[in-house]
Amino acid sequence: MTALRIDSLTRHYGPTVGVEDLSLRVEFGQIYGLLGPNGSGKTTTLACALGFQRPDHGRIEVLGQPPKKLHRTLGRVGIVLDDPTLVPNLRVLQNLTYTQKLLGHGGGRSPEQALELVGLGDRARQRAGSLSLGQKRRLAIARSLLGRPEFLVLDEPLSGLDTQGVRQILNLLARLRDEGLTLLVSSHRLHELERLITHVGILMGGRLVEDSSIENLLGSQTPGLLIRTTRPDAARKVFEDLRPGTTLRESAIDTLGCVEFRLDAGTVPAAVVNRRLLEAGCEVSTLAADRRSLQSVFEELLDKQLGQGSH
């Protein structure tokens, strides 16, 4: 069954493109990461899907309902926005009981159970306004879990968090995943979400440039090589001689005068690469396997987009 269906979504803000001809599916059981840089169209996509904005064109269904009839899914869809809008003067538990009465949630998960699930059971009597940003995010998630939602939508849940806050949110989302919730997570934090999500859609400039399972995107890739070496001109010639036309990504010179290369190694053994670099007078400080990651996929797509835009 499909939790979210978007067909040919287009939304412009005057001459500015929000999203353009975007289509995607989030199926039940998936943890779908809607990823991309700030301004790529993630929030616009969610705003249209959840009925906060009216699209210029396209068709959207959430649990089989169009956005204007999302009220029919009451209790089945949880929404957590980037800014956790809480009532700061109310206590933590009161924020949840207030929401429960306001929305008329009956049965399912209670406010106390939701707080325990997100690890805030010991903060129940604390004023919501005194919580840290990470705790406020977890409280907002607890609010979305009242009752028994099937589909949870989170907009930038890691934004502004320190390392500990990120870890706590990721652990919580992994727990919700293990409990069977379907999640749609919008974020620009690629590295942190890689181990959580099962499917990914990457947005750039309002267009969906990648839509795949993580397994298909990353699982079958042969590791390349990460190389830091001196004499970059000589190193480039070595790489071209070893693998003509190979994909080569290069980073700036560091304080030791080394340039970092990422080489699509193919069938060239690392020992051969190392030997040839040394023979060319290049001092090698790092030579390691470089497995494909969401970040490297993103960089490749960004390079492609920039290349197309330059023509």
C-alpha atoms as a PDB file:
ATOM      1  CA  MET A   1       0.000   0.000   0.000  1.00  0.00           C
ATOM      2  CA  THR A   2       1.200   3.517  -0.782  1.00  0.00           C
ATOM      3  CA  ALA A   3       1.584   5.979   2.105  1.00  0.00           C
ATOM      4  CA  LEU A   4       2.369   8.960  -0.145  1.00  0.00           C
ATOM      5  CA  ARG A   5       1.861   9.339  -3.876  1.00  0.00           C
ATOM      6  CA  ILE A   6       3.007  12.424  -5.779  1.00  0.00           C
ATOM      7  CA  ASP A   7       2.527  12.730  -9.534  1.00  0.00           C
ATOM      8  CA  SER A   8       3.962  15.601 -11.615  1.00  0.00           C
ATOM      9  CA  LEU A   9       4.010  18.101  -8.731  1.00  0.00           C
ATOM     10  CA  THR A  10       4.858  21.648  -9.821  1.00  0.00           C
ATOM     11  CA  ARG A  11       4.923  24.695  -7.554  1.00  0.00           C
ATOM     12  CA  HIS A  12       6.382  28.080  -8.526  1.00  0.00           C
ATOM     13  CA  TYR A  13       6.786  31.260  -6.490  1.00  0.00           C
ATOM     14  CA  GLY A  14       6.494  33.851  -9.241  1.00  0.00           C
ATOM     15  CA  PRO A  15       9.542  33.302 -11.465  1.00  0.00           C
ATOM     16  CA  THR A  16      11.218  31.089  -8.841  1.00  0.00           C
ATOM     17  CA  VAL A  17      10.891  27.305  -9.129  1.00  0.00           C
ATOM     18  CA  GLY A  18       9.865  25.567  -5.912  1.00  0.00           C
ATOM     19  CA  VAL A  19       9.485  22.090  -7.421  1.00  0.00           C
ATOM     20  CA  GLU A  20       9.112  21.077 -11.056  1.00  0.00           C
ATOM     21  CA  ASP A  21       7.344  17.952 -12.399  1.00  0.00           C
ATOM     22  CA  LEU A  22       8.164  15.892  -9.305  1.00  0.00           C
ATOM     23  CA  SER A  23       6.848  12.333  -8.930  1.00  0.00           C
ATOM     24  CA  LEU A  24       7.616   9.864  -6.147  1.00  0.00           C
ATOM     25  CA  ARG A  25       6.109   7.086  -4.040  1.00  0.00           C
ATOM     26  CA  VAL A  26       6.548   6.240  -0.360  1.00  0.00           C
ATOM     27  CA  GLU A  27       5.340   2.706   0.268  1.00  0.00           C
ATOM     28  CA  PHE A  28       4.352   1.304   3.656  1.00  0.00           C
ATOM     29  CA  GLY A  29       7.353  -0.118   5.480  1.00  0.00           C
ATOM     30  CA  GLN A  30       9.840   2.269   3.857  1.00  0.00           C
ATOM     31  CA  ILE A  31      12.043   4.821   5.572  1.00  0.00           C
ATOM     32  CA  TYR A  32      12.204   7.371   2.762  1.00  0.00           C
ATOM     33  CA  GLY A  33      14.808  10.117   2.898  1.00  0.00           C
ATOM     34  CA  LEU A  34      13.896  13.221   0.895  1.00  0.00           C
ATOM     35  CA  LEU A  35      17.365  14.726   0.737  1.00  0.00           C
ATOM     36  CA  GLY A  36      18.999  17.747  -0.807  1.00  0.00           C
ATOM     37  CA  PRO A  37      20.629  21.096  -0.041  1.00  0.00           C
ATOM     38  CA  ASN A  38      18.741  24.021   1.452  1.00  0.00           C
ATOM     39  CA  GLY A  39      16.462  25.541  -1.168  1.00  0.00           C
ATOM     40  CA  SER A  40      16.216  22.349  -3.222  1.00  0.00           C
ATOM     41  CA  GLY A  41      12.434  22.023  -2.804  1.00  0.00           C
ATOM     42  CA  LYS A  42      12.096  19.625   0.130  1.00  0.00           C
ATOM     43  CA  THR A  43       9.935  21.864   2.301  1.00  0.00           C
ATOM     44  CA  THR A  44       7.800  22.925  -0.681  1.00  0.00           C
ATOM     45  CA  THR A  45       7.167  19.265  -1.501  1.00  0.00           C
ATOM     46  CA  LEU A  46       6.077  18.508   2.062  1.00  0.00           C
ATOM     47  CA  ALA A  47       3.986  21.681   2.309  1.00  0.00           C
ATOM     48  CA  CYS A  48       2.038  20.698  -0.816  1.00  0.00           C
ATOM     49  CA  ALA A  49       1.707  17.078   0.286  1.00  0.00           C
ATOM     50  CA  LEU A  50       0.332  18.075   3.690  1.00  0.00           C
ATOM     51  CA  GLY A  51      -2.062  20.724   2.388  1.00  0.00           C
ATOM     52  CA  PHE A  52      -0.179  23.790   3.654  1.00  0.00           C
ATOM     53  CA  GLN A  53       0.344  25.040   0.098  1.00  0.00           C
ATOM     54  CA  ARG A  54      -1.655  24.615  -3.090  1.00  0.00           C
ATOM     55  CA  PRO A  55       0.363  23.210  -6.017  1.00  0.00           C
ATOM     56  CA  ASP A  56       0.231  24.792  -9.449  1.00  0.00           C
ATOM     57  CA  HIS A  57      -0.084  21.352 -11.015  1.00  0.00           C
ATOM     58  CA  GLY A  58       0.008  17.686 -10.042  1.00  0.00           C
ATOM     59  CA  ARG A  59      -1.757  15.040  -8.032  1.00  0.00           C
ATOM     60  CA  ILE A  60      -1.037  14.087  -4.408  1.00  0.00           C
ATOM     61  CA  GLU A  61      -2.499  11.409  -2.141  1.00  0.00           C
ATOM     62  CA  VAL A  62      -1.640  10.731   1.509  1.00  0.00           C
ATOM     63  CA  LEU A  63      -3.011   7.365   2.655  1.00  0.00           C
ATOM     64  CA  GLY A  64      -5.296   7.537  -0.376  1.00  0.00           C
ATOM     65  CA  GLN A  65      -6.625  11.022   0.427  1.00  0.00           C
ATOM     66  CA  PRO A  66      -5.896  14.330  -1.369  1.00  0.00           C
ATOM     67  CA  PRO A  67      -4.327  17.065   0.805  1.00  0.00           C
ATOM     68  CA  LYS A  68      -7.589  19.032   1.109  1.00  0.00           C
ATOM     69  CA  LYS A  69      -9.186  15.971   2.715  1.00  0.00           C
ATOM     70  CA  LEU A  70      -6.252  15.064   4.956  1.00  0.00           C
ATOM     71  CA  HIS A  71      -8.587  15.388   7.959  1.00  0.00           C
ATOM     72  CA  ARG A  72      -9.961  11.989   6.967  1.00  0.00           C
ATOM     73  CA  THR A  73      -6.620  10.456   8.009  1.00  0.00           C
ATOM     74  CA  LEU A  74      -6.797  11.959  11.519  1.00  0.00           C
ATOM     75  CA  GLY A  75      -4.706   9.861  13.907  1.00  0.00           C
ATOM     76  CA  ARG A  76      -3.026   7.916  11.088  1.00  0.00           C
ATOM     77  CA  VAL A  77      -0.517  10.584  10.003  1.00  0.00           C
ATOM     78  CA  GLY A  78       2.008  12.244  12.328  1.00  0.00           C
ATOM     79  CA  ILE A  79       3.690  15.504  11.300  1.00  0.00           C
ATOM     80  CA  VAL A  80       6.853  17.035  12.802  1.00  0.00           C
ATOM     81  CA  LEU A  81       7.887  20.375  11.311  1.00  0.00           C
ATOM     82  CA  ASP A  82      11.342  21.964  11.408  1.00  0.00           C
ATOM     83  CA  ASP A  83      10.274  24.468  14.075  1.00  0.00           C
ATOM     84  CA  PRO A  84       8.837  22.488  17.032  1.00  0.00           C
ATOM     85  CA  THR A  85       5.887  24.743  17.899  1.00  0.00           C
ATOM     86  CA  LEU A  86       5.271  23.962  21.567  1.00  0.00           C
ATOM     87  CA  VAL A  87       3.509  25.880  24.332  1.00  0.00           C
ATOM     88  CA  PRO A  88       6.598  26.997  26.312  1.00  0.00           C
ATOM     89  CA  ASN A  89       4.831  27.853  29.578  1.00  0.00           C
ATOM     90  CA  LEU A  90       3.087  24.492  29.800  1.00  0.00           C
ATOM     91  CA  ARG A  91       4.842  21.491  31.275  1.00  0.00           C
ATOM     92  CA  VAL A  92       6.082  18.774  28.950  1.00  0.00           C
ATOM     93  CA  LEU A  93       3.250  16.372  29.750  1.00  0.00           C
ATOM     94  CA  GLN A  94       0.670  19.166  29.561  1.00  0.00           C
ATOM     95  CA  ASN A  95       1.774  19.915  25.975  1.00  0.00           C
ATOM     96  CA  LEU A  96       0.792  16.382  25.031  1.00  0.00           C
ATOM     97  CA  THR A  97      -2.478  16.225  26.977  1.00  0.00           C
ATOM     98  CA  TYR A  98      -3.450  19.615  25.468  1.00  0.00           C
ATOM     99  CA  THR A  99      -2.760  18.279  21.961  1.00  0.00           C
ATOM    100  CA  GLN A 100      -4.629  15.063  22.699  1.00  0.00           C
ATOM    101  CA  LYS A 101      -7.757  16.987  23.719  1.00  0.00           C
ATOM    102  CA  LEU A 102      -7.435  19.449  20.845  1.00  0.00           C
ATOM    103  CA  LEU A 103      -7.207  16.715  18.207  1.00  0.00           C
ATOM    104  CA  GLY A 104      -9.576  14.314  19.911  1.00  0.00           C
ATOM    105  CA  HIS A 105      -7.188  11.364  19.870  1.00  0.00           C
ATOM    106  CA  GLY A 106      -8.752   8.366  21.574  1.00  0.00           C
ATOM    107  CA  GLY A 107      -7.168   5.016  22.296  1.00  0.00           C
ATOM    108  CA  GLY A 108      -3.723   3.949  21.193  1.00  0.00           C
ATOM    109  CA  ARG A 109      -0.623   5.537  22.691  1.00  0.00           C
ATOM    110  CA  SER A 110      -1.148   7.809  25.719  1.00  0.00           C
ATOM    111  CA  PRO A 111       0.837  11.014  26.455  1.00  0.00           C
ATOM    112  CA  GLU A 112       2.780   9.188  29.164  1.00  0.00           C
ATOM    113  CA  GLN A 113       3.646   6.331  26.800  1.00  0.00           C
ATOM    114  CA  ALA A 114       4.699   8.762  24.069  1.00  0.00           C
ATOM    115  CA  LEU A 115       7.046  10.544  26.487  1.00  0.00           C
ATOM    116  CA  GLU A 116       8.628   7.265  27.569  1.00  0.00           C
ATOM    117  CA  LEU A 117       9.079   6.247  23.940  1.00  0.00           C
ATOM    118  CA  VAL A 118      11.079   9.393  23.111  1.00  0.00           C
ATOM    119  CA  GLY A 119      13.080   9.268  26.355  1.00  0.00           C
ATOM    120  CA  LEU A 120      11.459  12.245  28.093  1.00  0.00           C
ATOM    121  CA  GLY A 121       9.551  10.431  30.817  1.00  0.00           C
ATOM    122  CA  ASP A 122      11.704  12.074  33.499  1.00  0.00           C
ATOM    123  CA  ARG A 123      10.983  15.544  32.067  1.00  0.00           C
ATOM    124  CA  ALA A 124       7.193  15.345  32.296  1.00  0.00           C
ATOM    125  CA  ARG A 125       6.879  18.172  34.865  1.00  0.00           C
ATOM    126  CA  GLN A 126       9.508  20.446  33.310  1.00  0.00           C
ATOM    127  CA  ARG A 127       8.429  23.567  31.412  1.00  0.00           C
ATOM    128  CA  ALA A 128       8.621  22.919  27.676  1.00  0.00           C
ATOM    129  CA  GLY A 129      10.335  26.268  27.093  1.00  0.00           C
ATOM    130  CA  SER A 130      13.308  25.212  29.241  1.00  0.00           C
ATOM    131  CA  LEU A 131      14.134  22.132  27.140  1.00  0.00           C
ATOM    132  CA  SER A 132      17.151  21.963  24.862  1.00  0.00           C
ATOM    133  CA  LEU A 133      16.544  22.052  21.100  1.00  0.00           C
ATOM    134  CA  GLY A 134      17.088  18.296  20.861  1.00  0.00           C
ATOM    135  CA  GLN A 135      14.609  17.671  23.673  1.00  0.00           C
ATOM    136  CA  LYS A 136      12.073  19.972  22.015  1.00  0.00           C
ATOM    137  CA  ARG A 137      12.446  17.975  18.804  1.00  0.00           C
ATOM    138  CA  ARG A 138      11.825  14.737  20.712  1.00  0.00           C
ATOM    139  CA  LEU A 139       8.793  16.282  22.416  1.00  0.00           C
ATOM    140  CA  ALA A 140       7.424  17.314  19.009  1.00  0.00           C
ATOM    141  CA  ILE A 141       7.903  13.723  17.828  1.00  0.00           C
ATOM    142  CA  ALA A 142       6.140  12.454  20.967  1.00  0.00           C
ATOM    143  CA  ARG A 143       3.212  14.743  20.133  1.00  0.00           C
ATOM    144  CA  SER A 144       3.005  13.250  16.639  1.00  0.00           C
ATOM    145  CA  LEU A 145       2.931   9.736  18.122  1.00  0.00           C
ATOM    146  CA  LEU A 146      -0.235  10.240  20.184  1.00  0.00           C
ATOM    147  CA  GLY A 147      -2.806   7.641  19.257  1.00  0.00           C
ATOM    148  CA  ARG A 148      -1.349   5.140  16.804  1.00  0.00           C
ATOM    149  CA  PRO A 149      -0.052   6.829  13.613  1.00  0.00           C
ATOM    150  CA  GLU A 150       0.983   4.681  10.652  1.00  0.00           C
ATOM    151  CA  PHE A 151       2.893   7.303   8.667  1.00  0.00           C
ATOM    152  CA  LEU A 152       5.259   9.866  10.188  1.00  0.00           C
ATOM    153  CA  VAL A 153       6.514  12.909   8.229  1.00  0.00           C
ATOM    154  CA  LEU A 154       9.516  14.807   9.633  1.00  0.00           C
ATOM    155  CA  ASP A 155      10.894  18.031   8.150  1.00  0.00           C
ATOM    156  CA  GLU A 156      14.598  18.598   8.960  1.00  0.00           C
ATOM    157  CA  PRO A 157      14.577  16.748  12.320  1.00  0.00           C
ATOM    158  CA  LEU A 158      18.385  17.073  12.669  1.00  0.00           C
ATOM    159  CA  SER A 159      18.652  20.788  11.860  1.00  0.00           C
ATOM    160  CA  GLY A 160      20.667  22.788  14.402  1.00  0.00           C
ATOM    161  CA  LEU A 161      21.416  19.816  16.670  1.00  0.00           C
ATOM    162  CA  ASP A 162      24.801  19.005  18.172  1.00  0.00           C
ATOM    163  CA  THR A 163      26.357  15.538  17.914  1.00  0.00           C
ATOM    164  CA  GLN A 164      24.533  14.183  20.965  1.00  0.00           C
ATOM    165  CA  GLY A 165      21.193  15.581  19.812  1.00  0.00           C
ATOM    166  CA  VAL A 166      21.634  14.056  16.352  1.00  0.00           C
ATOM    167  CA  ARG A 167      22.436  10.674  17.869  1.00  0.00           C
ATOM    168  CA  GLN A 168      19.372  10.787  20.110  1.00  0.00           C
ATOM    169  CA  ILE A 169      17.031  11.644  17.226  1.00  0.00           C
ATOM    170  CA  LEU A 170      18.540   8.966  14.968  1.00  0.00           C
ATOM    171  CA  ASN A 171      18.238   6.337  17.711  1.00  0.00           C
ATOM    172  CA  LEU A 172      14.605   7.339  18.222  1.00  0.00           C
ATOM    173  CA  LEU A 173      13.812   7.140  14.506  1.00  0.00           C
ATOM    174  CA  ALA A 174      15.486   3.722  14.316  1.00  0.00           C
ATOM    175  CA  ARG A 175      13.283   2.569  17.185  1.00  0.00           C
ATOM    176  CA  LEU A 176      10.152   3.843  15.428  1.00  0.00           C
ATOM    177  CA  ARG A 177      11.289   2.086  12.257  1.00  0.00           C
ATOM    178  CA  ASP A 178      11.690  -1.154  14.194  1.00  0.00           C
ATOM    179  CA  GLU A 179       8.150  -0.730  15.556  1.00  0.00           C
ATOM    180  CA  GLY A 180       6.830  -0.709  11.988  1.00  0.00           C
ATOM    181  CA  LEU A 181       6.188   2.987  11.317  1.00  0.00           C
ATOM    182  CA  THR A 182       6.594   4.272   7.786  1.00  0.00           C
ATOM    183  CA  LEU A 183       8.775   7.388   7.840  1.00  0.00           C
ATOM    184  CA  LEU A 184       9.363  10.239   5.406  1.00  0.00           C
ATOM    185  CA  VAL A 185      12.366  12.269   6.558  1.00  0.00           C
ATOM    186  CA  SER A 186      13.322  15.525   4.844  1.00  0.00           C
ATOM    187  CA  SER A 187      16.915  16.620   5.484  1.00  0.00           C
ATOM    188  CA  HIS A 188      20.131  18.058   4.082  1.00  0.00           C
ATOM    189  CA  ARG A 189      22.176  15.913   6.513  1.00  0.00           C
ATOM    190  CA  LEU A 190      23.176  13.098   4.155  1.00  0.00           C
ATOM    191  CA  HIS A 191      25.863  11.340   6.166  1.00  0.00           C
ATOM    192  CA  GLU A 192      23.849  10.886   9.352  1.00  0.00           C
ATOM    193  CA  LEU A 193      20.771   9.469   7.623  1.00  0.00           C
ATOM    194  CA  GLU A 194      22.569   6.973   5.386  1.00  0.00           C
ATOM    195  CA  ARG A 195      22.333   4.088   7.864  1.00  0.00           C
ATOM    196  CA  LEU A 196      18.695   4.779   8.755  1.00  0.00           C
ATOM    197  CA  ILE A 197      16.810   5.146   5.487  1.00  0.00           C
ATOM    198  CA  THR A 198      15.787   2.378   3.098  1.00  0.00           C
ATOM    199  CA  HIS A 199      14.959   4.595   0.114  1.00  0.00           C
ATOM    200  CA  VAL A 200      16.180   7.981  -1.035  1.00  0.00           C
ATOM    201  CA  GLY A 201      14.981  10.807  -3.239  1.00  0.00           C
ATOM    202  CA  ILE A 202      17.547  13.538  -3.936  1.00  0.00           C
ATOM    203  CA  LEU A 203      16.280  16.979  -4.926  1.00  0.00           C
ATOM    204  CA  MET A 204      18.315  19.659  -6.661  1.00  0.00           C
ATOM    205  CA  GLY A 205      16.886  22.880  -7.959  1.00  0.00           C
ATOM    206  CA  GLY A 206      13.341  21.664  -7.410  1.00  0.00           C
ATOM    207  CA  ARG A 207      13.807  18.502  -9.468  1.00  0.00           C
ATOM    208  CA  LEU A 208      14.088  14.897  -8.345  1.00  0.00           C
ATOM    209  CA  VAL A 209      17.474  13.791  -9.710  1.00  0.00           C
ATOM    210  CA  GLU A 210      17.684  10.420  -7.906  1.00  0.00           C
ATOM    211  CA  ASP A 211      14.988   8.063  -6.618  1.00  0.00           C
ATOM    212  CA  SER A 212      16.153   4.618  -5.530  1.00  0.00           C
ATOM    213  CA  SER A 213      16.546   2.154  -2.706  1.00  0.00           C
ATOM    214  CA  ILE A 214      19.743   2.524  -0.721  1.00  0.00           C
ATOM    215  CA  GLU A 215      20.594  -1.063  -1.607  1.00  0.00           C
ATOM    216  CA  ASN A 216      20.417  -0.370  -5.331  1.00  0.00           C
ATOM    217  CA  LEU A 217      22.175   2.960  -5.020  1.00  0.00           C
ATOM    218  CA  LEU A 218      25.092   1.938  -2.815  1.00  0.00           C
ATOM    219  CA  GLY A 219      25.074  -1.803  -2.229  1.00  0.00           C
ATOM    220  CA  SER A 220      26.450  -3.043  -5.535  1.00  0.00           C
ATOM    221  CA  GLN A 221      29.192  -0.458  -5.907  1.00  0.00           C
ATOM    222  CA  THR A 222      32.850  -1.511  -6.045  1.00  0.00           C
ATOM    223  CA  PRO A 223      34.974   0.563  -3.646  1.00  0.00           C
ATOM    224  CA  GLY A 224      37.215   3.167  -5.222  1.00  0.00           C
ATOM    225  CA  LEU A 225      40.410   4.546  -3.746  1.00  0.00           C
ATOM    226  CA  LEU A 226      40.993   7.556  -1.524  1.00  0.00           C
ATOM    227  CA  ILE A 227      44.474   8.916  -2.164  1.00  0.00           C
ATOM    228  CA  ARG A 228      46.354  11.857  -0.643  1.00  0.00           C
ATOM    229  CA  THR A 229      49.561  12.644  -2.412  1.00  0.00           C
ATOM    230  CA  THR A 230      51.972  15.395  -3.415  1.00  0.00           C
ATOM    231  CA  ARG A 231      52.725  16.523  -6.985  1.00  0.00           C
ATOM    232  CA  PRO A 232      49.126  16.552  -8.222  1.00  0.00           C
ATOM    233  CA  ASP A 233      50.054  17.055 -11.890  1.00  0.00           C
ATOM    234  CA  ALA A 234      52.209  13.929 -11.873  1.00  0.00           C
ATOM    235  CA  ALA A 235      49.509  12.028  -9.954  1.00  0.00           C
ATOM    236  CA  ARG A 236      46.856  12.937 -12.518  1.00  0.00           C
ATOM    237  CA  LYS A 237      49.051  11.566 -15.290  1.00  0.00           C
ATOM    238  CA  VAL A 238      49.534   8.318 -13.358  1.00  0.00           C
ATOM    239  CA  PHE A 239      45.785   7.905 -12.912  1.00  0.00           C
ATOM    240  CA  GLU A 240      45.102   8.618 -16.591  1.00  0.00           C
ATOM    241  CA  ASP A 241      47.771   6.111 -17.675  1.00  0.00           C
ATOM    242  CA  LEU A 242      46.315   3.435 -15.384  1.00  0.00           C
ATOM    243  CA  ARG A 243      42.684   4.011 -16.305  1.00  0.00           C
ATOM    244  CA  PRO A 244      42.100   6.319 -19.271  1.00  0.00           C
ATOM    245  CA  GLY A 245      38.898   8.332 -18.907  1.00  0.00           C
ATOM    246  CA  THR A 246      38.401   7.291 -15.293  1.00  0.00           C
ATOM    247  CA  THR A 247      36.182   9.315 -12.920  1.00  0.00           C
ATOM    248  CA  LEU A 248      38.472  11.392 -10.725  1.00  0.00           C
ATOM    249  CA  ARG A 249      37.296  13.722  -7.959  1.00  0.00           C
ATOM    250  CA  GLU A 250      39.813  16.101  -6.466  1.00  0.00           C
ATOM    251  CA  SER A 251      39.912  18.168  -3.271  1.00  0.00           C
ATOM    252  CA  ALA A 252      41.994  21.226  -2.458  1.00  0.00           C
ATOM    253  CA  ILE A 253      45.603  21.157  -1.298  1.00  0.00           C
ATOM    254  CA  ASP A 254      45.961  20.732   2.481  1.00  0.00           C
ATOM    255  CA  THR A 255      48.511  22.350   4.805  1.00  0.00           C
ATOM    256  CA  LEU A 256      51.057  19.620   4.038  1.00  0.00           C
ATOM    257  CA  GLY A 257      50.847  20.240   0.328  1.00  0.00           C
ATOM    258  CA  CYS A 258      48.865  17.059  -0.384  1.00  0.00           C
ATOM    259  CA  VAL A 259      45.921  16.870  -2.782  1.00  0.00           C
ATOM    260  CA  GLU A 260      43.102  14.405  -2.070  1.00  0.00           C
ATOM    261  CA  PHE A 261      41.861  12.317  -4.996  1.00  0.00           C
ATOM    262  CA  ARG A 262      38.975   9.872  -5.153  1.00  0.00           C
ATOM    263  CA  LEU A 263      39.597   7.377  -7.905  1.00  0.00           C
ATOM    264  CA  ASP A 264      37.134   4.932  -9.456  1.00  0.00           C
ATOM    265  CA  ALA A 265      39.677   2.144  -9.040  1.00  0.00           C
ATOM    266  CA  GLY A 266      37.935  -0.602 -11.051  1.00  0.00           C
ATOM    267  CA  THR A 267      40.305  -3.537 -11.436  1.00  0.00           C
ATOM    268  CA  VAL A 268      43.521  -1.609 -10.699  1.00  0.00           C
ATOM    269  CA  PRO A 269      45.024  -2.983  -7.433  1.00  0.00           C
ATOM    270  CA  ALA A 270      45.873  -0.417  -4.759  1.00  0.00           C
ATOM    271  CA  ALA A 271      49.457  -1.723  -4.639  1.00  0.00           C
ATOM    272  CA  VAL A 272      49.905  -0.927  -8.342  1.00  0.00           C
ATOM    273  CA  VAL A 273      48.537   2.595  -7.879  1.00  0.00           C
ATOM    274  CA  ASN A 274      50.872   3.145  -4.923  1.00  0.00           C
ATOM    275  CA  ARG A 275      53.935   1.858  -6.802  1.00  0.00           C
ATOM    276  CA  ARG A 276      53.280   3.974  -9.873  1.00  0.00           C
ATOM    277  CA  LEU A 277      52.780   7.117  -7.778  1.00  0.00           C
ATOM    278  CA  LEU A 278      56.081   6.523  -5.968  1.00  0.00           C
ATOM    279  CA  GLU A 279      57.866   5.915  -9.275  1.00  0.00           C
ATOM    280  CA  ALA A 280      56.496   9.284 -10.462  1.00  0.00           C
ATOM    281  CA  GLY A 281      57.986  10.998  -7.420  1.00  0.00           C
ATOM    282  CA  CYS A 282      54.669  11.451  -5.575  1.00  0.00           C
ATOM    283  CA  GLU A 283      54.744  11.041  -1.803  1.00  0.00           C
ATOM    284  CA  VAL A 284      51.618   9.103  -0.744  1.00  0.00           C
ATOM    285  CA  SER A 285      50.276   9.931   2.724  1.00  0.00           C
ATOM    286  CA  THR A 286      46.943   8.073   2.385  1.00  0.00           C
ATOM    287  CA  LEU A 287      45.786   5.162   0.241  1.00  0.00           C
ATOM    288  CA  ALA A 288      42.515   3.542   1.377  1.00  0.00           C
ATOM    289  CA  ALA A 289      39.303   1.974   0.119  1.00  0.00           C
ATOM    290  CA  ASP A 290      36.660   4.601  -0.577  1.00  0.00           C
ATOM    291  CA  ARG A 291      33.195   3.073  -0.557  1.00  0.00           C
ATOM    292  CA  ARG A 292      30.410   4.952  -2.251  1.00  0.00           C
ATOM    293  CA  SER A 293      28.264   6.941   0.163  1.00  0.00           C
ATOM    294  CA  LEU A 294      25.217   9.174  -0.070  1.00  0.00           C
ATOM    295  CA  GLN A 295      27.584  12.126   0.176  1.00  0.00           C
ATOM    296  CA  SER A 296      29.678  10.924  -2.769  1.00  0.00           C
ATOM    297  CA  VAL A 297      26.516  10.243  -4.807  1.00  0.00           C
ATOM    298  CA  PHE A 298      25.315  13.753  -3.989  1.00  0.00           C
ATOM    299  CA  GLU A 299      28.649  15.263  -5.061  1.00  0.00           C
ATOM    300  CA  GLU A 300      28.532  13.358  -8.360  1.00  0.00           C
ATOM    301  CA  LEU A 301      24.973  14.560  -9.019  1.00  0.00           C
ATOM    302  CA  LEU A 302      25.904  18.119  -8.078  1.00  0.00           C
ATOM    303  CA  ASP A 303      28.908  18.047 -10.422  1.00  0.00           C
ATOM    304  CA  LYS A 304      26.617  16.779 -13.188  1.00  0.00           C
ATOM    305  CA  GLN A 305      24.058  19.515 -12.531  1.00  0.00           C
ATOM    306  CA  LEU A 306      26.727  22.215 -12.507  1.00  0.00           C
ATOM    307  CA  GLY A 307      28.216  20.808 -15.695  1.00  0.00           C
ATOM    308  CA  GLN A 308      24.853  20.919 -17.440  1.00  0.00           C
ATOM    309  CA  GLY A 309      24.251  24.438 -16.236  1.00  0.00           C
ATOM    310  CA  SER A 310      27.539  25.655 -17.703  1.00  0.00           C
ATOM    311  CA  HIS A 311      26.549  24.715 -21.277  1.00  0.00           C
END
